[in-house]
Amino acid sequence: MKRLIGLIMMILILYVIYFDLSKGTLPSADTTATVQQEEPAETEELIDYFEIKVQSGDTVLSIIEQQLDASVSVPIQQVIEDFQKLNNGTSAEQIQIGKTYKFPDYRDLAE
């Protein structure tokens, strides 16, 4: 009886390994790519922006405030959403030193 249970367990394990390697259990890259393509590049034209290379200690908010020479006149959530739209979904918390990003330009709203 122990041999029969061991044989069934071995077959089950081999089937699970085969299924995982052939079809996989995670979504494929094709399905995730279609989910991320919500809006085309038209949003870049609708939002004025400027490009800056990020330095050590910079944050999205601090860079925008430096460009405005004042505090931001729009809600912070809108700043984050606009930044992500301009940078293909890159999170505002994940900017990297030395890379150039597009930042929303709110100078027209400050006047």
PDB file of N, CA and C in Angstrom:
ATOM      1  N   MET A   1       0.813  -1.186   0.000  1.00  0.00           N
ATOM      2  CA  MET A   1       0.000   0.000   0.000  1.00  0.00           C
ATOM      3  C   MET A   1       0.861   1.257   0.000  1.00  0.00           C
ATOM      4  N   LYS A   2       1.965   1.220   0.759  1.00  0.00           N
ATOM      5  CA  LYS A   2       2.863   2.368   0.791  1.00  0.00           C
ATOM      6  C   LYS A   2       3.467   2.615  -0.586  1.00  0.00           C
ATOM      7  N   ARG A   3       3.786   1.560  -1.322  1.00  0.00           N
ATOM      8  CA  ARG A   3       4.363   1.712  -2.661  1.00  0.00           C
ATOM      9  C   ARG A   3       3.354   2.339  -3.611  1.00  0.00           C
ATOM     10  N   LEU A   4       2.081   1.971  -3.511  1.00  0.00           N
ATOM     11  CA  LEU A   4       1.039   2.532  -4.369  1.00  0.00           C
ATOM     12  C   LEU A   4       0.866   4.024  -4.092  1.00  0.00           C
ATOM     13  N   ILE A   5       0.828   4.402  -2.821  1.00  0.00           N
ATOM     14  CA  ILE A   5       0.710   5.822  -2.464  1.00  0.00           C
ATOM     15  C   ILE A   5       1.950   6.587  -2.923  1.00  0.00           C
ATOM     16  N   GLY A   6       3.118   6.007  -2.766  1.00  0.00           N
ATOM     17  CA  GLY A   6       4.358   6.638  -3.233  1.00  0.00           C
ATOM     18  C   GLY A   6       4.366   6.815  -4.733  1.00  0.00           C
ATOM     19  N   LEU A   7       3.884   5.830  -5.484  1.00  0.00           N
ATOM     20  CA  LEU A   7       3.811   5.909  -6.945  1.00  0.00           C
ATOM     21  C   LEU A   7       2.840   7.005  -7.372  1.00  0.00           C
ATOM     22  N   ILE A   8       1.683   7.085  -6.719  1.00  0.00           N
ATOM     23  CA  ILE A   8       0.702   8.124  -7.050  1.00  0.00           C
ATOM     24  C   ILE A   8       1.260   9.512  -6.742  1.00  0.00           C
ATOM     25  N   MET A   9       1.930   9.664  -5.629  1.00  0.00           N
ATOM     26  CA  MET A   9       2.551  10.946  -5.270  1.00  0.00           C
ATOM     27  C   MET A   9       3.625  11.337  -6.283  1.00  0.00           C
ATOM     28  N   MET A  10       4.432  10.372  -6.733  1.00  0.00           N
ATOM     29  CA  MET A  10       5.485  10.635  -7.717  1.00  0.00           C
ATOM     30  C   MET A  10       4.859  11.083  -9.037  1.00  0.00           C
ATOM     31  N   ILE A  11       3.796  10.422  -9.469  1.00  0.00           N
ATOM     32  CA  ILE A  11       3.117  10.804 -10.710  1.00  0.00           C
ATOM     33  C   ILE A  11       2.536  12.212 -10.580  1.00  0.00           C
ATOM     34  N   LEU A  12       1.939  12.503  -9.433  1.00  0.00           N
ATOM     35  CA  LEU A  12       1.377  13.827  -9.197  1.00  0.00           C
ATOM     36  C   LEU A  12       2.465  14.902  -9.225  1.00  0.00           C
ATOM     37  N   ILE A  13       3.574  14.648  -8.608  1.00  0.00           N
ATOM     38  CA  ILE A  13       4.686  15.607  -8.589  1.00  0.00           C
ATOM     39  C   ILE A  13       5.220  15.825  -9.999  1.00  0.00           C
ATOM     40  N   LEU A  14       5.388  14.760 -10.762  1.00  0.00           N
ATOM     41  CA  LEU A  14       5.878  14.893 -12.131  1.00  0.00           C
ATOM     42  C   LEU A  14       4.892  15.668 -12.996  1.00  0.00           C
ATOM     43  N   TYR A  15       3.592  15.437 -12.802  1.00  0.00           N
ATOM     44  CA  TYR A  15       2.585  16.180 -13.560  1.00  0.00           C
ATOM     45  C   TYR A  15       2.631  17.667 -13.217  1.00  0.00           C
ATOM     46  N   VAL A  16       2.758  18.007 -11.942  1.00  0.00           N
ATOM     47  CA  VAL A  16       2.815  19.399 -11.522  1.00  0.00           C
ATOM     48  C   VAL A  16       4.048  20.085 -12.113  1.00  0.00           C
ATOM     49  N   ILE A  17       5.177  19.412 -12.113  1.00  0.00           N
ATOM     50  CA  ILE A  17       6.400  19.974 -12.700  1.00  0.00           C
ATOM     51  C   ILE A  17       6.219  20.172 -14.198  1.00  0.00           C
ATOM     52  N   TYR A  18       5.658  19.194 -14.879  1.00  0.00           N
ATOM     53  CA  TYR A  18       5.417  19.306 -16.316  1.00  0.00           C
ATOM     54  C   TYR A  18       4.480  20.481 -16.608  1.00  0.00           C
ATOM     55  N   PHE A  19       3.383  20.603 -15.873  1.00  0.00           N
ATOM     56  CA  PHE A  19       2.420  21.680 -16.091  1.00  0.00           C
ATOM     57  C   PHE A  19       3.075  23.035 -15.857  1.00  0.00           C
ATOM     58  N   ASP A  20       3.855  23.163 -14.806  1.00  0.00           N
ATOM     59  CA  ASP A  20       4.519  24.417 -14.480  1.00  0.00           C
ATOM     60  C   ASP A  20       5.510  24.827 -15.562  1.00  0.00           C
ATOM     61  N   LEU A  21       6.262  23.868 -16.089  1.00  0.00           N
ATOM     62  CA  LEU A  21       7.261  24.189 -17.109  1.00  0.00           C
ATOM     63  C   LEU A  21       6.637  24.429 -18.481  1.00  0.00           C
ATOM     64  N   SER A  22       5.558  23.741 -18.807  1.00  0.00           N
ATOM     65  CA  SER A  22       4.980  23.885 -20.142  1.00  0.00           C
ATOM     66  C   SER A  22       4.003  25.051 -20.237  1.00  0.00           C
ATOM     67  N   LYS A  23       3.075  25.171 -19.306  1.00  0.00           N
ATOM     68  CA  LYS A  23       2.059  26.218 -19.371  1.00  0.00           C
ATOM     69  C   LYS A  23       2.305  27.326 -18.369  1.00  0.00           C
ATOM     70  N   GLY A  24       2.917  27.024 -17.296  1.00  0.00           N
ATOM     71  CA  GLY A  24       3.234  28.019 -16.276  1.00  0.00           C
ATOM     72  C   GLY A  24       2.060  28.338 -15.390  1.00  0.00           C
ATOM     73  N   THR A  25       2.363  28.912 -14.252  1.00  0.00           N
ATOM     74  CA  THR A  25       1.318  29.298 -13.314  1.00  0.00           C
ATOM     75  C   THR A  25       1.228  30.807 -13.177  1.00  0.00           C
ATOM     76  N   LEU A  26       2.177  31.557 -13.732  1.00  0.00           N
ATOM     77  CA  LEU A  26       2.159  33.007 -13.697  1.00  0.00           C
ATOM     78  C   LEU A  26       1.652  33.540 -15.028  1.00  0.00           C
ATOM     79  N   PRO A  27       1.060  34.737 -15.058  1.00  0.00           N
ATOM     80  CA  PRO A  27       0.600  35.292 -16.330  1.00  0.00           C
ATOM     81  C   PRO A  27       1.793  35.578 -17.243  1.00  0.00           C
ATOM     82  N   SER A  28       1.588  35.409 -18.518  1.00  0.00           N
ATOM     83  CA  SER A  28       2.671  35.641 -19.468  1.00  0.00           C
ATOM     84  C   SER A  28       2.919  37.129 -19.646  1.00  0.00           C
ATOM     85  N   ALA A  29       4.037  37.481 -20.255  1.00  0.00           N
ATOM     86  CA  ALA A  29       4.396  38.874 -20.472  1.00  0.00           C
ATOM     87  C   ALA A  29       3.415  39.550 -21.425  1.00  0.00           C
ATOM     88  N   ASP A  30       2.785  38.810 -22.317  1.00  0.00           N
ATOM     89  CA  ASP A  30       1.833  39.384 -23.258  1.00  0.00           C
ATOM     90  C   ASP A  30       0.613  39.936 -22.539  1.00  0.00           C
ATOM     91  N   THR A  31       0.128  39.245 -21.539  1.00  0.00           N
ATOM     92  CA  THR A  31      -1.064  39.718 -20.832  1.00  0.00           C
ATOM     93  C   THR A  31      -0.756  40.920 -19.963  1.00  0.00           C
ATOM     94  N   THR A  32       0.423  40.989 -19.364  1.00  0.00           N
ATOM     95  CA  THR A  32       0.756  42.142 -18.537  1.00  0.00           C
ATOM     96  C   THR A  32       1.042  43.359 -19.393  1.00  0.00           C
ATOM     97  N   ALA A  33       1.586  43.170 -20.585  1.00  0.00           N
ATOM     98  CA  ALA A  33       1.873  44.306 -21.459  1.00  0.00           C
ATOM     99  C   ALA A  33       0.590  44.975 -21.928  1.00  0.00           C
ATOM    100  N   THR A  34      -0.449  44.222 -22.194  1.00  0.00           N
ATOM    101  CA  THR A  34      -1.695  44.814 -22.644  1.00  0.00           C
ATOM    102  C   THR A  34      -2.391  45.566 -21.519  1.00  0.00           C
ATOM    103  N   VAL A  35      -2.208  45.145 -20.294  1.00  0.00           N
ATOM    104  CA  VAL A  35      -2.825  45.831 -19.173  1.00  0.00           C
ATOM    105  C   VAL A  35      -2.173  47.187 -18.956  1.00  0.00           C
ATOM    106  N   GLN A  36      -0.877  47.304 -19.144  1.00  0.00           N
ATOM    107  CA  GLN A  36      -0.168  48.541 -18.886  1.00  0.00           C
ATOM    108  C   GLN A  36      -0.376  49.590 -19.963  1.00  0.00           C
ATOM    109  N   GLN A  37      -0.832  49.198 -21.141  1.00  0.00           N
ATOM    110  CA  GLN A  37      -1.029  50.147 -22.220  1.00  0.00           C
ATOM    111  C   GLN A  37      -2.426  50.745 -22.146  1.00  0.00           C
ATOM    112  N   GLU A  38      -2.673  51.554 -21.115  1.00  0.00           N
ATOM    113  CA  GLU A  38      -3.987  52.137 -20.929  1.00  0.00           C
ATOM    114  C   GLU A  38      -4.217  53.314 -21.862  1.00  0.00           C
ATOM    115  N   GLU A  39      -3.269  54.235 -21.913  1.00  0.00           N
ATOM    116  CA  GLU A  39      -3.440  55.417 -22.720  1.00  0.00           C
ATOM    117  C   GLU A  39      -2.248  55.569 -23.654  1.00  0.00           C
ATOM    118  N   PRO A  40      -2.480  55.967 -24.889  1.00  0.00           N
ATOM    119  CA  PRO A  40      -1.370  56.163 -25.820  1.00  0.00           C
ATOM    120  C   PRO A  40      -0.556  57.400 -25.473  1.00  0.00           C
ATOM    121  N   ALA A  41       0.421  57.701 -26.293  1.00  0.00           N
ATOM    122  CA  ALA A  41       1.341  58.806 -26.035  1.00  0.00           C
ATOM    123  C   ALA A  41       0.665  60.166 -26.149  1.00  0.00           C
ATOM    124  N   GLU A  42      -0.634  60.221 -26.433  1.00  0.00           N
ATOM    125  CA  GLU A  42      -1.335  61.487 -26.538  1.00  0.00           C
ATOM    126  C   GLU A  42      -1.328  62.244 -25.215  1.00  0.00           C
ATOM    127  N   THR A  43      -1.247  61.551 -24.095  1.00  0.00           N
ATOM    128  CA  THR A  43      -1.254  62.217 -22.800  1.00  0.00           C
ATOM    129  C   THR A  43      -0.021  63.100 -22.629  1.00  0.00           C
ATOM    130  N   GLU A  44       1.076  62.729 -23.267  1.00  0.00           N
ATOM    131  CA  GLU A  44       2.276  63.559 -23.167  1.00  0.00           C
ATOM    132  C   GLU A  44       2.036  64.915 -23.811  1.00  0.00           C
ATOM    133  N   GLU A  45       1.254  64.959 -24.885  1.00  0.00           N
ATOM    134  CA  GLU A  45       0.998  66.214 -25.561  1.00  0.00           C
ATOM    135  C   GLU A  45       0.033  67.076 -24.765  1.00  0.00           C
ATOM    136  N   LEU A  46      -0.842  66.463 -23.990  1.00  0.00           N
ATOM    137  CA  LEU A  46      -1.820  67.215 -23.225  1.00  0.00           C
ATOM    138  C   LEU A  46      -1.218  67.829 -21.973  1.00  0.00           C
ATOM    139  N   ILE A  47      -0.179  67.228 -21.437  1.00  0.00           N
ATOM    140  CA  ILE A  47       0.461  67.713 -20.221  1.00  0.00           C
ATOM    141  C   ILE A  47       1.776  68.378 -20.600  1.00  0.00           C
ATOM    142  N   ASP A  48       1.909  69.659 -20.239  1.00  0.00           N
ATOM    143  CA  ASP A  48       3.200  70.316 -20.458  1.00  0.00           C
ATOM    144  C   ASP A  48       4.212  69.688 -19.512  1.00  0.00           C
ATOM    145  N   TYR A  49       5.446  69.532 -19.994  1.00  0.00           N
ATOM    146  CA  TYR A  49       6.458  68.907 -19.156  1.00  0.00           C
ATOM    147  C   TYR A  49       7.836  69.471 -19.456  1.00  0.00           C
ATOM    148  N   PHE A  50       8.748  69.212 -18.561  1.00  0.00           N
ATOM    149  CA  PHE A  50      10.162  69.517 -18.745  1.00  0.00           C
ATOM    150  C   PHE A  50      10.947  68.288 -18.334  1.00  0.00           C
ATOM    151  N   GLU A  51      12.140  68.137 -18.891  1.00  0.00           N
ATOM    152  CA  GLU A  51      12.975  66.980 -18.581  1.00  0.00           C
ATOM    153  C   GLU A  51      14.160  67.413 -17.737  1.00  0.00           C
ATOM    154  N   ILE A  52      14.432  66.621 -16.701  1.00  0.00           N
ATOM    155  CA  ILE A  52      15.564  66.911 -15.810  1.00  0.00           C
ATOM    156  C   ILE A  52      16.213  65.598 -15.408  1.00  0.00           C
ATOM    157  N   LYS A  53      17.540  65.639 -15.291  1.00  0.00           N
ATOM    158  CA  LYS A  53      18.292  64.497 -14.788  1.00  0.00           C
ATOM    159  C   LYS A  53      18.263  64.550 -13.264  1.00  0.00           C
ATOM    160  N   VAL A  54      17.856  63.467 -12.639  1.00  0.00           N
ATOM    161  CA  VAL A  54      17.681  63.413 -11.189  1.00  0.00           C
ATOM    162  C   VAL A  54      19.035  63.363 -10.493  1.00  0.00           C
ATOM    163  N   GLN A  55      19.183  64.201  -9.482  1.00  0.00           N
ATOM    164  CA  GLN A  55      20.386  64.245  -8.663  1.00  0.00           C
ATOM    165  C   GLN A  55      20.088  63.595  -7.311  1.00  0.00           C
ATOM    166  N   SER A  56      21.117  63.366  -6.534  1.00  0.00           N
ATOM    167  CA  SER A  56      20.963  62.767  -5.213  1.00  0.00           C
ATOM    168  C   SER A  56      20.114  63.679  -4.325  1.00  0.00           C
ATOM    169  N   GLY A  57      19.129  63.092  -3.658  1.00  0.00           N
ATOM    170  CA  GLY A  57      18.271  63.843  -2.753  1.00  0.00           C
ATOM    171  C   GLY A  57      17.045  64.454  -3.405  1.00  0.00           C
ATOM    172  N   ASP A  58      16.945  64.385  -4.729  1.00  0.00           N
ATOM    173  CA  ASP A  58      15.790  64.948  -5.425  1.00  0.00           C
ATOM    174  C   ASP A  58      14.568  64.054  -5.287  1.00  0.00           C
ATOM    175  N   THR A  59      13.415  64.690  -5.199  1.00  0.00           N
ATOM    176  CA  THR A  59      12.138  63.992  -5.264  1.00  0.00           C
ATOM    177  C   THR A  59      11.324  64.659  -6.364  1.00  0.00           C
ATOM    178  N   VAL A  60      10.268  64.009  -6.785  1.00  0.00           N
ATOM    179  CA  VAL A  60       9.431  64.584  -7.842  1.00  0.00           C
ATOM    180  C   VAL A  60       8.907  65.937  -7.397  1.00  0.00           C
ATOM    181  N   LEU A  61       8.425  66.017  -6.181  1.00  0.00           N
ATOM    182  CA  LEU A  61       7.864  67.264  -5.676  1.00  0.00           C
ATOM    183  C   LEU A  61       8.923  68.359  -5.555  1.00  0.00           C
ATOM    184  N   SER A  62      10.104  68.011  -5.076  1.00  0.00           N
ATOM    185  CA  SER A  62      11.144  69.035  -4.918  1.00  0.00           C
ATOM    186  C   SER A  62      11.622  69.565  -6.261  1.00  0.00           C
ATOM    187  N   ILE A  63      11.689  68.707  -7.268  1.00  0.00           N
ATOM    188  CA  ILE A  63      12.119  69.153  -8.603  1.00  0.00           C
ATOM    189  C   ILE A  63      11.085  70.100  -9.194  1.00  0.00           C
ATOM    190  N   ILE A  64       9.807  69.757  -9.063  1.00  0.00           N
ATOM    191  CA  ILE A  64       8.753  70.623  -9.603  1.00  0.00           C
ATOM    192  C   ILE A  64       8.732  71.957  -8.866  1.00  0.00           C
ATOM    193  N   GLU A  65       8.899  71.945  -7.546  1.00  0.00           N
ATOM    194  CA  GLU A  65       8.920  73.193  -6.778  1.00  0.00           C
ATOM    195  C   GLU A  65      10.123  74.060  -7.150  1.00  0.00           C
ATOM    196  N   GLN A  66      11.266  73.453  -7.463  1.00  0.00           N
ATOM    197  CA  GLN A  66      12.431  74.224  -7.903  1.00  0.00           C
ATOM    198  C   GLN A  66      12.148  74.917  -9.227  1.00  0.00           C
ATOM    199  N   GLN A  67      11.449  74.250 -10.129  1.00  0.00           N
ATOM    200  CA  GLN A  67      11.121  74.856 -11.419  1.00  0.00           C
ATOM    201  C   GLN A  67      10.124  76.001 -11.261  1.00  0.00           C
ATOM    202  N   LEU A  68       9.187  75.860 -10.321  1.00  0.00           N
ATOM    203  CA  LEU A  68       8.165  76.884 -10.115  1.00  0.00           C
ATOM    204  C   LEU A  68       8.665  78.039  -9.246  1.00  0.00           C
ATOM    205  N   ASP A  69       9.703  77.820  -8.471  1.00  0.00           N
ATOM    206  CA  ASP A  69      10.167  78.756  -7.441  1.00  0.00           C
ATOM    207  C   ASP A  69       9.048  79.056  -6.438  1.00  0.00           C
ATOM    208  N   ALA A  70       8.170  78.086  -6.235  1.00  0.00           N
ATOM    209  CA  ALA A  70       7.070  78.213  -5.283  1.00  0.00           C
ATOM    210  C   ALA A  70       6.546  76.816  -4.982  1.00  0.00           C
ATOM    211  N   SER A  71       5.556  76.744  -4.086  1.00  0.00           N
ATOM    212  CA  SER A  71       4.962  75.445  -3.820  1.00  0.00           C
ATOM    213  C   SER A  71       4.011  75.068  -4.952  1.00  0.00           C
ATOM    214  N   VAL A  72       3.732  73.802  -5.069  1.00  0.00           N
ATOM    215  CA  VAL A  72       2.894  73.290  -6.144  1.00  0.00           C
ATOM    216  C   VAL A  72       1.444  73.670  -5.882  1.00  0.00           C
ATOM    217  N   SER A  73       0.753  74.177  -6.914  1.00  0.00           N
ATOM    218  CA  SER A  73      -0.616  74.658  -6.745  1.00  0.00           C
ATOM    219  C   SER A  73      -1.672  73.597  -7.036  1.00  0.00           C
ATOM    220  N   VAL A  74      -1.254  72.375  -7.353  1.00  0.00           N
ATOM    221  CA  VAL A  74      -2.205  71.287  -7.626  1.00  0.00           C
ATOM    222  C   VAL A  74      -2.047  70.224  -6.546  1.00  0.00           C
ATOM    223  N   PRO A  75      -3.055  69.367  -6.377  1.00  0.00           N
ATOM    224  CA  PRO A  75      -2.931  68.305  -5.367  1.00  0.00           C
ATOM    225  C   PRO A  75      -1.756  67.364  -5.672  1.00  0.00           C
ATOM    226  N   ILE A  76      -1.135  66.863  -4.632  1.00  0.00           N
ATOM    227  CA  ILE A  76       0.018  65.984  -4.784  1.00  0.00           C
ATOM    228  C   ILE A  76      -0.354  64.719  -5.552  1.00  0.00           C
ATOM    229  N   GLN A  77      -1.559  64.217  -5.337  1.00  0.00           N
ATOM    230  CA  GLN A  77      -2.006  63.023  -6.067  1.00  0.00           C
ATOM    231  C   GLN A  77      -2.018  63.272  -7.568  1.00  0.00           C
ATOM    232  N   GLN A  78      -2.419  64.477  -7.993  1.00  0.00           N
ATOM    233  CA  GLN A  78      -2.414  64.794  -9.423  1.00  0.00           C
ATOM    234  C   GLN A  78      -0.981  64.882  -9.953  1.00  0.00           C
ATOM    235  N   VAL A  79      -0.072  65.411  -9.137  1.00  0.00           N
ATOM    236  CA  VAL A  79       1.337  65.481  -9.537  1.00  0.00           C
ATOM    237  C   VAL A  79       1.870  64.070  -9.784  1.00  0.00           C
ATOM    238  N   ILE A  80       1.561  63.147  -8.879  1.00  0.00           N
ATOM    239  CA  ILE A  80       2.027  61.761  -9.014  1.00  0.00           C
ATOM    240  C   ILE A  80       1.423  61.111 -10.247  1.00  0.00           C
ATOM    241  N   GLU A  81       0.123  61.305 -10.476  1.00  0.00           N
ATOM    242  CA  GLU A  81      -0.533  60.711 -11.635  1.00  0.00           C
ATOM    243  C   GLU A  81       0.036  61.265 -12.941  1.00  0.00           C
ATOM    244  N   ASP A  82       0.247  62.591 -13.002  1.00  0.00           N
ATOM    245  CA  ASP A  82       0.811  63.196 -14.207  1.00  0.00           C
ATOM    246  C   ASP A  82       2.227  62.696 -14.458  1.00  0.00           C
ATOM    247  N   PHE A  83       3.022  62.570 -13.390  1.00  0.00           N
ATOM    248  CA  PHE A  83       4.388  62.057 -13.527  1.00  0.00           C
ATOM    249  C   PHE A  83       4.374  60.642 -14.090  1.00  0.00           C
ATOM    250  N   GLN A  84       3.484  59.797 -13.587  1.00  0.00           N
ATOM    251  CA  GLN A  84       3.411  58.421 -14.067  1.00  0.00           C
ATOM    252  C   GLN A  84       2.949  58.358 -15.509  1.00  0.00           C
ATOM    253  N   LYS A  85       2.027  59.217 -15.915  1.00  0.00           N
ATOM    254  CA  LYS A  85       1.578  59.248 -17.311  1.00  0.00           C
ATOM    255  C   LYS A  85       2.718  59.649 -18.243  1.00  0.00           C
ATOM    256  N   LEU A  86       3.500  60.620 -17.821  1.00  0.00           N
ATOM    257  CA  LEU A  86       4.597  61.101 -18.662  1.00  0.00           C
ATOM    258  C   LEU A  86       5.749  60.111 -18.757  1.00  0.00           C
ATOM    259  N   ASN A  87       5.897  59.251 -17.772  1.00  0.00           N
ATOM    260  CA  ASN A  87       7.042  58.343 -17.708  1.00  0.00           C
ATOM    261  C   ASN A  87       6.641  56.873 -17.798  1.00  0.00           C
ATOM    262  N   ASN A  88       5.617  56.587 -18.565  1.00  0.00           N
ATOM    263  CA  ASN A  88       5.179  55.211 -18.840  1.00  0.00           C
ATOM    264  C   ASN A  88       4.940  54.389 -17.582  1.00  0.00           C
ATOM    265  N   GLY A  89       4.305  54.993 -16.592  1.00  0.00           N
ATOM    266  CA  GLY A  89       3.939  54.254 -15.387  1.00  0.00           C
ATOM    267  C   GLY A  89       5.006  54.171 -14.316  1.00  0.00           C
ATOM    268  N   THR A  90       6.133  54.828 -14.507  1.00  0.00           N
ATOM    269  CA  THR A  90       7.180  54.811 -13.479  1.00  0.00           C
ATOM    270  C   THR A  90       6.662  55.503 -12.221  1.00  0.00           C
ATOM    271  N   SER A  91       6.779  54.839 -11.097  1.00  0.00           N
ATOM    272  CA  SER A  91       6.296  55.380  -9.839  1.00  0.00           C
ATOM    273  C   SER A  91       7.174  56.540  -9.385  1.00  0.00           C
ATOM    274  N   ALA A  92       6.547  57.533  -8.783  1.00  0.00           N
ATOM    275  CA  ALA A  92       7.289  58.696  -8.295  1.00  0.00           C
ATOM    276  C   ALA A  92       8.269  58.315  -7.188  1.00  0.00           C
ATOM    277  N   GLU A  93       7.982  57.224  -6.478  1.00  0.00           N
ATOM    278  CA  GLU A  93       8.862  56.785  -5.398  1.00  0.00           C
ATOM    279  C   GLU A  93      10.060  55.989  -5.912  1.00  0.00           C
ATOM    280  N   GLN A  94      10.054  55.626  -7.178  1.00  0.00           N
ATOM    281  CA  GLN A  94      11.111  54.764  -7.713  1.00  0.00           C
ATOM    282  C   GLN A  94      12.023  55.466  -8.708  1.00  0.00           C
ATOM    283  N   ILE A  95      12.104  56.799  -8.651  1.00  0.00           N
ATOM    284  CA  ILE A  95      13.019  57.482  -9.562  1.00  0.00           C
ATOM    285  C   ILE A  95      14.449  57.163  -9.142  1.00  0.00           C
ATOM    286  N   GLN A  96      15.342  57.147 -10.138  1.00  0.00           N
ATOM    287  CA  GLN A  96      16.726  56.748  -9.883  1.00  0.00           C
ATOM    288  C   GLN A  96      17.676  57.895 -10.189  1.00  0.00           C
ATOM    289  N   ILE A  97      18.698  58.010  -9.375  1.00  0.00           N
ATOM    290  CA  ILE A  97      19.708  59.049  -9.540  1.00  0.00           C
ATOM    291  C   ILE A  97      20.413  58.844 -10.875  1.00  0.00           C
ATOM    292  N   GLY A  98      20.596  59.937 -11.619  1.00  0.00           N
ATOM    293  CA  GLY A  98      21.325  59.891 -12.880  1.00  0.00           C
ATOM    294  C   GLY A  98      20.450  59.654 -14.092  1.00  0.00           C
ATOM    295  N   LYS A  99      19.196  59.319 -13.909  1.00  0.00           N
ATOM    296  CA  LYS A  99      18.292  59.111 -15.038  1.00  0.00           C
ATOM    297  C   LYS A  99      17.502  60.381 -15.303  1.00  0.00           C
ATOM    298  N   THR A 100      17.122  60.571 -16.564  1.00  0.00           N
ATOM    299  CA  THR A 100      16.341  61.728 -16.960  1.00  0.00           C
ATOM    300  C   THR A 100      14.871  61.345 -17.037  1.00  0.00           C
ATOM    301  N   TYR A 101      14.025  62.156 -16.431  1.00  0.00           N
ATOM    302  CA  TYR A 101      12.591  61.915 -16.407  1.00  0.00           C
ATOM    303  C   TYR A 101      11.855  63.157 -16.892  1.00  0.00           C
ATOM    304  N   LYS A 102      10.602  62.951 -17.294  1.00  0.00           N
ATOM    305  CA  LYS A 102       9.723  64.050 -17.671  1.00  0.00           C
ATOM    306  C   LYS A 102       8.893  64.411 -16.445  1.00  0.00           C
ATOM    307  N   PHE A 103       8.870  65.699 -16.121  1.00  0.00           N
ATOM    308  CA  PHE A 103       8.120  66.185 -14.971  1.00  0.00           C
ATOM    309  C   PHE A 103       7.029  67.123 -15.461  1.00  0.00           C
ATOM    310  N   PRO A 104       5.827  67.039 -14.891  1.00  0.00           N
ATOM    311  CA  PRO A 104       4.749  67.935 -15.316  1.00  0.00           C
ATOM    312  C   PRO A 104       5.084  69.383 -14.996  1.00  0.00           C
ATOM    313  N   ASP A 105       4.760  70.268 -15.925  1.00  0.00           N
ATOM    314  CA  ASP A 105       5.067  71.691 -15.787  1.00  0.00           C
ATOM    315  C   ASP A 105       3.787  72.428 -15.424  1.00  0.00           C
ATOM    316  N   TYR A 106       3.738  72.967 -14.224  1.00  0.00           N
ATOM    317  CA  TYR A 106       2.555  73.668 -13.749  1.00  0.00           C
ATOM    318  C   TYR A 106       2.787  75.178 -13.684  1.00  0.00           C
ATOM    319  N   ARG A 107       3.722  75.709 -14.465  1.00  0.00           N
ATOM    320  CA  ARG A 107       3.987  77.143 -14.435  1.00  0.00           C
ATOM    321  C   ARG A 107       2.790  77.962 -14.883  1.00  0.00           C
ATOM    322  N   ASP A 108       2.018  77.452 -15.839  1.00  0.00           N
ATOM    323  CA  ASP A 108       0.839  78.185 -16.298  1.00  0.00           C
ATOM    324  C   ASP A 108      -0.213  78.286 -15.209  1.00  0.00           C
ATOM    325  N   LEU A 109      -0.296  77.277 -14.357  1.00  0.00           N
ATOM    326  CA  LEU A 109      -1.283  77.288 -13.277  1.00  0.00           C
ATOM    327  C   LEU A 109      -0.853  78.181 -12.124  1.00  0.00           C
ATOM    328  N   ALA A 110       0.440  78.409 -11.976  1.00  0.00           N
ATOM    329  CA  ALA A 110       0.948  79.214 -10.862  1.00  0.00           C
ATOM    330  C   ALA A 110       0.723  80.709 -11.080  1.00  0.00           C
ATOM    331  N   GLU A 111       0.535  81.099 -12.325  1.00  0.00           N
ATOM    332  CA  GLU A 111       0.389  82.532 -12.631  1.00  0.00           C
ATOM    333  C   GLU A 111      -0.965  83.061 -12.306  1.00  0.00           C
TER     334      GLU A 111
END
